[in-house]
Protein backbone atom coordinates (compact mmCIF):
# COMPACT_ATOMS: atom_id res chain seq x y z
CA MET A 1 10.44 -24.24 -5.06
CA LYS A 2 10.23 -27.16 -2.61
CA THR A 3 13.95 -27.95 -2.80
CA TYR A 4 14.84 -24.29 -2.34
CA GLU A 5 12.39 -23.92 0.58
CA PHE A 6 13.86 -27.05 2.20
CA LEU A 7 17.39 -25.63 2.09
CA ALA A 8 16.30 -22.07 2.94
CA ARG A 9 14.50 -23.15 6.12
CA ARG A 10 17.68 -24.77 7.40
CA ASN A 11 19.68 -21.66 6.54
CA TRP A 12 22.66 -23.73 5.36
CA PRO A 13 24.47 -22.85 3.29
CA LYS A 14 23.47 -19.26 4.01
CA SER A 15 24.06 -17.85 0.53
CA TYR A 16 22.25 -18.90 -2.62
CA THR A 17 25.61 -19.41 -4.34
CA GLY A 18 26.65 -21.76 -1.54
CA LYS A 19 23.50 -23.83 -2.06
CA ILE A 20 24.26 -24.19 -5.79
CA LEU A 21 27.87 -25.18 -5.11
CA LEU A 22 26.83 -27.72 -2.48
CA VAL A 23 24.43 -29.38 -4.91
CA SER A 24 27.13 -29.38 -7.61
CA PHE A 25 29.67 -30.96 -5.24
CA LEU A 26 27.27 -33.69 -4.20
CA GLY A 27 26.21 -34.29 -7.79
CA VAL A 28 29.82 -34.95 -8.82
CA HIS A 29 31.11 -36.89 -5.81
CA VAL A 30 28.20 -39.16 -4.96
CA PRO A 31 28.30 -40.95 -8.35
CA MET A 32 32.12 -41.12 -8.17
CA ILE A 33 32.08 -42.63 -4.68
CA GLY A 34 29.44 -45.16 -5.76
CA ALA A 35 31.42 -46.16 -8.84
CA VAL A 36 34.69 -46.55 -6.91
CA THR A 37 33.00 -48.59 -4.19
CA TYR A 38 31.49 -50.91 -6.78
CA VAL A 39 34.87 -51.40 -8.50
CA LEU A 40 36.63 -52.15 -5.22
CA LEU A 41 34.02 -54.68 -4.17
CA ALA A 42 33.66 -56.38 -7.55
CA ASP A 43 37.34 -56.61 -8.55
CA PRO A 44 39.33 -59.40 -6.81
CA THR A 45 42.56 -57.50 -7.34
CA PRO A 46 44.21 -56.59 -3.99
CA PHE A 47 43.47 -53.08 -2.83
CA SER A 48 47.15 -52.18 -2.58
CA GLN A 49 47.53 -52.66 -6.33
CA GLU A 50 44.55 -50.42 -7.10
CA ILE A 51 45.34 -47.55 -4.79
CA GLY A 52 47.24 -45.68 -7.50
CA ILE A 53 44.26 -45.80 -9.83
CA LEU A 54 41.99 -44.74 -6.98
CA LEU A 55 44.18 -41.75 -6.14
CA ALA A 56 44.33 -40.72 -9.79
CA MET A 57 40.54 -40.88 -10.05
CA LEU A 58 40.19 -38.88 -6.83
CA ALA A 59 42.62 -36.20 -8.02
CA ALA A 60 40.89 -35.94 -11.40
CA THR A 61 37.51 -35.68 -9.67
CA LEU A 62 38.71 -32.97 -7.30
CA LEU A 63 40.14 -30.98 -10.19
CA GLY A 64 36.93 -31.40 -12.13
CA THR A 65 34.88 -30.39 -9.09
CA ALA A 66 37.00 -27.29 -8.52
CA GLY A 67 36.63 -26.30 -12.17
CA THR A 68 32.89 -26.98 -12.12
CA MET A 69 32.42 -24.88 -9.00
CA LEU A 70 34.37 -21.99 -10.49
CA VAL A 71 32.29 -22.07 -13.64
CA MET A 72 29.05 -22.46 -11.65
CA ASN A 73 30.01 -19.50 -9.48
CA ALA A 74 30.64 -17.44 -12.61
CA LEU A 75 27.31 -18.51 -14.11
CA LEU A 76 25.56 -17.34 -10.93
CA ALA A 77 26.90 -13.81 -11.48
CA PRO A 78 23.64 -12.63 -13.16
CA VAL A 79 21.60 -13.72 -10.13
CA VAL A 80 24.00 -11.93 -7.78
CA ALA A 81 23.96 -8.82 -10.00
CA ALA A 82 20.15 -8.75 -10.07
CA THR A 83 20.01 -9.16 -6.28
CA ASN A 84 22.53 -6.40 -5.68
CA ALA A 85 20.73 -4.11 -8.15
CA ALA A 86 17.37 -4.51 -6.41
CA GLU A 87 18.90 -4.11 -2.95
CA GLY A 88 20.93 -1.07 -4.02
CA TYR A 89 17.86 0.66 -5.42
CA LEU A 90 15.76 -0.07 -2.34
CA ARG A 91 18.44 1.20 0.04
CA GLU A 92 20.07 4.06 -1.87
CA ARG A 93 17.79 4.49 -4.90
CA LYS A 94 20.77 3.76 -7.10
CA THR A 95 19.77 2.93 -10.69
CA PRO A 96 21.78 -0.06 -12.02
CA ARG A 97 23.18 -0.64 -15.49
CA MET A 98 22.90 -4.37 -16.23
CA PRO A 99 23.22 -6.09 -19.62
CA THR A 100 19.84 -6.66 -21.24
CA ARG A 101 20.72 -8.28 -24.58
CA TYR A 102 20.87 -11.92 -23.44
CA THR A 103 17.85 -14.17 -24.01
CA ASP A 104 18.35 -17.10 -21.61
CA SER A 105 16.73 -17.22 -18.16
CA ALA A 106 19.56 -15.37 -16.42
CA GLY A 107 19.58 -12.70 -19.14
CA VAL A 108 15.81 -12.28 -18.90
CA LEU A 109 16.15 -11.94 -15.12
CA MET A 110 18.69 -9.11 -15.44
CA ALA A 111 16.68 -7.39 -18.17
CA SER A 112 13.46 -7.68 -16.15
CA VAL A 113 15.06 -6.27 -13.00
CA GLN A 114 16.57 -3.43 -15.02
CA GLU A 115 13.20 -2.68 -16.64
CA CYS A 116 11.30 -2.85 -13.34
CA ILE A 117 13.73 -0.52 -11.59
CA THR A 118 13.70 1.90 -14.53
CA ARG A 119 9.90 2.01 -14.59
CA LEU A 120 9.70 2.31 -10.81
CA ASP A 121 12.18 5.18 -10.78
CA SER A 122 10.27 6.95 -13.54
CA ALA A 123 6.98 6.47 -11.69
CA LEU A 124 8.48 7.77 -8.45
CA ALA A 125 9.92 10.80 -10.23
CA THR A 126 6.53 11.52 -11.80
CA THR A 127 4.79 11.13 -8.45
CA GLU A 128 7.25 13.44 -6.73
CA TYR A 129 6.77 16.03 -9.48
CA GLN A 130 2.99 15.79 -9.18
CA ARG A 131 3.26 16.15 -5.42
CA GLU A 132 5.35 19.30 -5.83
CA GLU A 133 2.86 20.63 -8.38
CA LEU A 134 0.01 19.91 -5.99
CA ALA A 135 1.85 21.66 -3.17
CA ARG A 136 2.43 24.70 -5.39
CA ASP A 137 -1.22 24.68 -6.46
CA HIS A 138 -2.36 24.59 -2.85
CA SER A 139 0.09 27.37 -2.00
CA GLU A 140 -1.35 29.55 -4.77
CA LYS A 141 -4.88 28.96 -3.54
CA PHE A 142 -3.89 29.85 -0.01
CA LYS A 143 -2.29 33.04 -1.34
CA MET A 144 -5.52 33.85 -3.15
CA LEU A 145 -7.46 33.40 0.06
CA ALA A 146 -4.92 35.50 1.92
CA GLY A 147 -5.40 38.21 -0.69
CA MET A 148 -9.11 38.25 0.15
CA ARG A 149 -8.42 39.25 3.77
CA HIS A 150 -9.56 42.81 3.04
CA ASP A 151 -12.92 41.52 1.77
CA PHE A 152 -13.36 39.66 5.04
CA ARG A 153 -11.81 42.24 7.35
CA THR A 154 -13.94 45.28 6.35
CA PRO A 155 -17.37 43.67 6.91
CA LEU A 156 -16.18 42.04 10.11
CA THR A 157 -14.80 45.33 11.38
CA HIS A 158 -18.17 46.98 10.80
CA ILE A 159 -20.01 44.17 12.51
CA LEU A 160 -17.74 44.10 15.55
CA GLY A 161 -17.41 47.88 15.83
CA PHE A 162 -21.09 48.70 15.60
CA ALA A 163 -22.02 45.80 17.81
CA GLU A 164 -19.62 47.12 20.47
CA LEU A 165 -21.15 50.60 20.22
CA MET A 166 -24.62 49.19 20.69
CA LYS A 167 -23.47 47.07 23.60
CA SER A 168 -21.92 50.03 25.45
CA GLU A 169 -24.79 52.42 24.52
CA ALA A 170 -22.15 55.05 23.93
CA ILE A 171 -24.51 57.51 22.25
CA GLY A 172 -27.63 56.81 24.24
CA PRO A 173 -30.09 54.13 25.16
CA LEU A 174 -30.69 51.28 22.77
CA GLY A 175 -33.94 52.90 21.67
CA ASN A 176 -32.07 55.80 20.03
CA LYS A 177 -32.93 56.13 16.35
CA ALA A 178 -29.23 56.25 15.41
CA TYR A 179 -28.98 52.57 16.23
CA HIS A 180 -31.32 51.76 13.38
CA SER A 181 -28.74 52.89 10.83
CA TYR A 182 -26.11 50.85 12.64
CA LEU A 183 -28.35 47.81 12.49
CA GLU A 184 -28.74 48.30 8.75
CA LYS A 185 -24.95 48.49 8.34
CA ILE A 186 -24.52 45.39 10.45
CA GLY A 187 -27.03 43.54 8.27
CA ASP A 188 -25.40 44.76 5.05
CA SER A 189 -21.92 43.82 6.28
CA GLY A 190 -23.13 40.42 7.40
CA ARG A 191 -24.75 39.77 4.03
CA ASP A 192 -21.57 40.86 2.24
CA LEU A 193 -19.51 38.50 4.35
CA LEU A 194 -21.94 35.63 3.80
CA GLN A 195 -21.93 36.23 0.06
CA THR A 196 -18.12 36.24 0.00
CA LEU A 197 -17.91 33.03 2.00
CA GLN A 198 -20.53 31.38 -0.19
CA SER A 199 -18.58 32.36 -3.30
CA VAL A 200 -15.43 30.76 -1.89
CA LEU A 201 -17.32 27.60 -0.93
CA ASP A 202 -18.99 27.40 -4.35
CA LEU A 203 -15.62 27.81 -6.03
CA SER A 204 -14.07 25.10 -3.87
CA ASP A 205 -16.95 22.65 -4.34
CA GLY A 206 -17.11 23.27 -8.06
CA GLU A 207 -13.39 22.72 -8.45
CA ALA A 208 -13.54 19.49 -6.42
CA ARG A 209 -16.46 18.13 -8.47
CA ARG A 210 -14.82 19.09 -11.76
CA GLN A 211 -11.50 17.52 -10.78
CA LEU A 212 -13.15 14.32 -9.57
CA ASP A 213 -15.16 14.05 -12.76
CA GLU A 214 -12.06 14.60 -14.90
CA ASP A 215 -10.07 11.98 -13.00
CA SER A 216 -12.76 9.28 -13.17
CA GLU A 217 -12.49 6.50 -15.72
CA SER A 218 -13.80 3.00 -16.36
CA PHE A 219 -11.59 0.04 -15.36
CA ASP A 220 -11.79 -3.57 -14.18
CA ILE A 221 -11.96 -3.50 -10.39
CA VAL A 222 -11.42 -7.28 -10.16
CA ALA A 223 -8.09 -7.08 -11.99
CA MET A 224 -7.10 -4.19 -9.72
CA ALA A 225 -8.07 -6.25 -6.66
CA ARG A 226 -5.90 -9.17 -7.79
CA ASP A 227 -3.01 -6.78 -8.43
CA ALA A 228 -3.47 -5.42 -4.90
CA VAL A 229 -3.22 -8.95 -3.49
CA SER A 230 0.00 -9.49 -5.45
CA LEU A 231 1.44 -6.22 -4.11
CA GLU A 232 0.57 -7.27 -0.54
CA HIS A 233 1.95 -10.79 -1.06
CA LEU A 234 5.26 -10.01 0.67
CA HIS A 235 3.48 -8.51 3.68
CA ALA A 236 1.16 -11.53 3.91
CA GLU A 237 4.03 -14.01 3.59
CA LYS A 238 5.99 -12.34 6.38
CA CYS A 239 2.90 -12.38 8.62
CA ASP A 240 2.09 -16.01 7.65
CA ILE A 241 -1.35 -14.97 6.37
CA ALA A 242 -3.14 -16.69 3.46
CA VAL A 243 -4.97 -14.19 1.22
CA SER A 244 -7.73 -15.20 -1.18
CA VAL A 245 -9.97 -13.30 -3.62
CA GLU A 246 -13.64 -14.01 -4.21
CA ALA A 247 -14.85 -12.09 -7.27
CA PRO A 248 -16.40 -12.52 -10.71
CA ALA A 249 -14.13 -12.85 -13.74
CA GLU A 250 -14.34 -9.09 -14.33
CA LEU A 251 -16.36 -6.12 -13.13
CA ALA A 252 -16.27 -2.63 -14.66
CA LEU A 253 -16.18 0.34 -12.28
CA TYR A 254 -16.26 4.06 -13.07
CA SER A 255 -14.21 5.88 -10.47
CA VAL A 256 -10.81 7.44 -9.81
CA ARG A 257 -8.23 4.74 -10.55
CA SER A 258 -5.47 6.06 -8.26
CA VAL A 259 -7.83 6.44 -5.28
CA MET A 260 -9.26 2.96 -5.76
CA LYS A 261 -5.78 1.45 -6.03
CA ASN A 262 -4.74 3.09 -2.77
CA LEU A 263 -8.02 2.10 -1.15
CA LEU A 264 -7.66 -1.57 -2.08
CA GLY A 265 -4.04 -1.66 -0.95
CA THR A 266 -4.84 -0.04 2.38
CA LEU A 267 -7.84 -2.34 2.92
CA LEU A 268 -5.65 -5.40 2.48
CA ASP A 269 -2.77 -3.95 4.47
CA ALA A 270 -5.03 -3.12 7.44
CA THR A 271 -6.78 -6.49 7.39
CA ILE A 272 -3.51 -8.44 7.15
CA THR A 273 -1.99 -6.36 9.96
CA GLY A 274 -4.96 -7.09 12.23
CA THR A 275 -4.98 -10.86 11.55
CA PRO A 276 -2.96 -13.27 13.71
CA ALA A 277 -0.31 -15.48 12.13
CA GLY A 278 -1.53 -18.71 10.62
CA ARG A 279 -5.01 -17.37 9.81
CA SER A 280 -6.44 -16.03 6.55
CA VAL A 281 -7.88 -12.94 4.87
CA THR A 282 -10.53 -12.83 2.13
CA LEU A 283 -11.06 -9.95 -0.29
CA ARG A 284 -14.53 -10.02 -1.86
CA VAL A 285 -15.61 -7.95 -4.86
CA SER A 286 -19.28 -8.02 -5.83
CA GLU A 287 -22.00 -5.94 -7.44
CA GLY A 288 -25.57 -5.64 -6.20
CA GLY A 289 -28.48 -3.27 -6.04
CA PHE A 290 -26.53 -0.77 -3.94
CA GLY A 291 -23.50 -0.72 -6.24
CA THR A 292 -20.03 -2.24 -6.19
CA CYS A 293 -19.00 -3.61 -2.81
CA LEU A 294 -15.44 -4.28 -1.64
CA VAL A 295 -15.14 -6.34 1.54
CA ALA A 296 -11.90 -7.24 3.31
CA GLU A 297 -12.57 -9.91 5.93
CA SER A 298 -10.15 -11.09 8.60
CA HIS A 299 -10.72 -14.64 9.80
CA GLY A 300 -9.70 -14.67 13.44
CA GLY A 301 -8.54 -11.07 13.79
CA GLN A 302 -9.87 -8.95 16.64
CA LEU A 303 -9.68 -5.16 16.80
CA CYS A 304 -9.01 -3.40 20.09
CA ILE A 305 -10.18 0.08 21.01
CA GLU A 306 -6.62 1.31 20.47
CA ASP A 307 -6.85 0.18 16.83
CA VAL A 308 -10.01 2.11 15.96
CA PRO A 309 -10.06 5.93 15.46
CA ALA A 310 -12.60 7.74 17.61
CA ASN A 311 -14.64 8.85 14.57
CA LEU A 312 -15.07 5.20 13.50
CA ALA A 313 -15.84 3.70 16.90
CA HIS A 314 -19.60 3.93 16.23
CA PHE A 315 -19.32 0.93 13.90
CA PHE A 316 -18.54 -1.31 16.86
CA GLY A 317 -19.98 -2.03 20.27
CA THR A 318 -17.75 -2.10 23.30
CA LEU A 319 -14.22 -2.94 22.22
CA PRO A 320 -11.61 -4.47 24.53
CA SER A 321 -8.42 -2.58 25.21
CA SER A 322 -5.03 -4.06 24.41
CA ALA A 323 -4.90 -5.14 28.05
CA GLY A 324 -7.96 -7.32 27.46
CA ALA A 325 -10.53 -5.35 29.45
CA PRO A 326 -13.43 -3.37 27.92
CA SER A 327 -12.72 0.33 27.67
CA ALA A 328 -14.68 3.40 26.64
CA ARG A 329 -11.72 5.44 25.45
CA ALA A 330 -8.36 4.60 23.88
CA GLU A 331 -5.29 5.83 25.69
CA THR A 332 -2.91 5.05 22.82
CA SER A 333 -3.05 4.22 19.12
CA THR A 334 -1.58 1.49 16.92
CA PRO A 335 -0.43 1.28 13.29
CA LEU A 336 -3.95 0.07 12.44
CA THR A 337 -5.38 3.40 13.60
CA VAL A 338 -3.63 5.27 10.79
CA ARG A 339 -4.65 2.67 8.20
CA LEU A 340 -8.32 2.77 9.20
CA THR A 341 -8.27 6.56 9.13
CA LEU A 342 -6.80 6.48 5.63
CA ILE A 343 -9.49 4.03 4.48
CA ALA A 344 -12.21 6.37 5.78
CA THR A 345 -10.56 9.36 4.08
CA LEU A 346 -10.21 7.61 0.72
CA ALA A 347 -13.78 6.33 0.86
CA LYS A 348 -15.05 9.82 1.62
CA ALA A 349 -12.99 11.28 -1.23
CA ILE A 350 -14.95 9.25 -3.80
CA GLY A 351 -18.28 9.41 -1.97
CA ALA A 352 -18.27 5.72 -1.00
CA GLU A 353 -20.08 4.31 2.01
CA LEU A 354 -17.87 2.74 4.68
CA ALA A 355 -18.97 0.04 7.12
CA MET A 356 -17.12 -2.05 9.70
CA ASP A 357 -18.13 -4.79 12.08
CA GLN A 358 -16.57 -7.45 14.27
CA THR A 359 -17.70 -10.80 15.65
CA ALA A 360 -16.01 -12.00 18.83
CA GLY A 361 -13.81 -15.00 18.15
CA GLU A 362 -14.46 -15.00 14.40
CA GLY A 363 -12.90 -11.84 12.97
CA PHE A 364 -13.63 -8.37 11.66
CA ARG A 365 -14.84 -6.99 8.35
CA ILE A 366 -14.29 -3.71 6.47
CA ALA A 367 -16.72 -2.93 3.63
CA VAL A 368 -16.71 -0.09 1.10
CA THR A 369 -19.73 0.36 -1.18
CA LEU A 370 -19.61 2.55 -4.30
CA GLN A 371 -22.83 3.47 -6.04
CA PRO A 372 -22.87 2.91 -9.82
CA HIS A 373 -21.03 5.71 -11.69
CA GLN A 374 -21.11 7.89 -8.58
CA ALA A 375 -17.63 9.22 -9.21
CA GLY A 376 -18.48 10.50 -12.65
CA TYR A 377 -22.04 10.58 -13.90
CA ALA A 378 -23.57 11.50 -10.56
CA ILE A 379 -21.31 14.54 -10.29
CA ALA A 380 -21.96 15.54 -13.87
CA ALA A 381 -25.68 15.49 -13.19
CA GLU A 382 -25.49 17.86 -10.22
């Protein structure tokens, strides 16, 4: 990688093919020039008598170089095809059709890119289908609630109507005995409405607990954390941030895999985004008496009040504004605001405890603590 990085930093030649051809040209001509120079210096024969041989050698070398470059350019076709396939899928979601039967390094590269794109496209299609199914499911639930409008409307109409009659004393002073029957109807209607609302809430809570319990499973959170670091590697490289993981060899966690994967990715993404270039980020995974703890720590990053959502500001003291002065209220938001909100939402979804803090001049920390088996066994015990 060092030779490639050396040439890439100088951006010449610009293309990868150009770099290969340059190295090939130098590899052919440098030995030839050295050999010819040695012959000319060592042989006492006058130069004029050797010029024909020299020209013949030069012509043969140029022809050989041209042929070598053509063949090298052809051999680089798999690399170019893999690059174009990845770029075409990212830009237009166009699935490539590359040969996958070759077993050398270039063949493995094409087969791997083809396999990765195929799996990614399948995963995206599945995700889109699940999202549509979820949207339809939510739509059906909303229709069910809309169909219950009569159950809500009738008790509310009684409550509002009789309350208005009592307020206006339309049939006499408030002490009239007729109001007693109205009060009974108001109480009955209120109890009916409360019972209906409680039924809806019980149904919603029961469905949420059942779904969370069904989706929970046991997995290695350390392996997932290392995968999250790999997925954020490109982001960290572009921001010039070094990311490290401090964790045991493995640690089993019982929770919702998809939520934890998104939570880890968002934790890293937010911490990297809030860290200045040239500094580092540490992701710690540990287990203690309070459960499994995930901590993303920025070394040198400082959050401003514009970065922190209002509902999370209680974790910090007085935060400076982006202008550098302390402020009690944010006038704008930043990309970090959305990420921190998502972290809080994901943590709440699995019942985890969220904590944040910041030390001036040193950095900030985001911690998520999950109690043992809280996503599964705790719900099953309720």
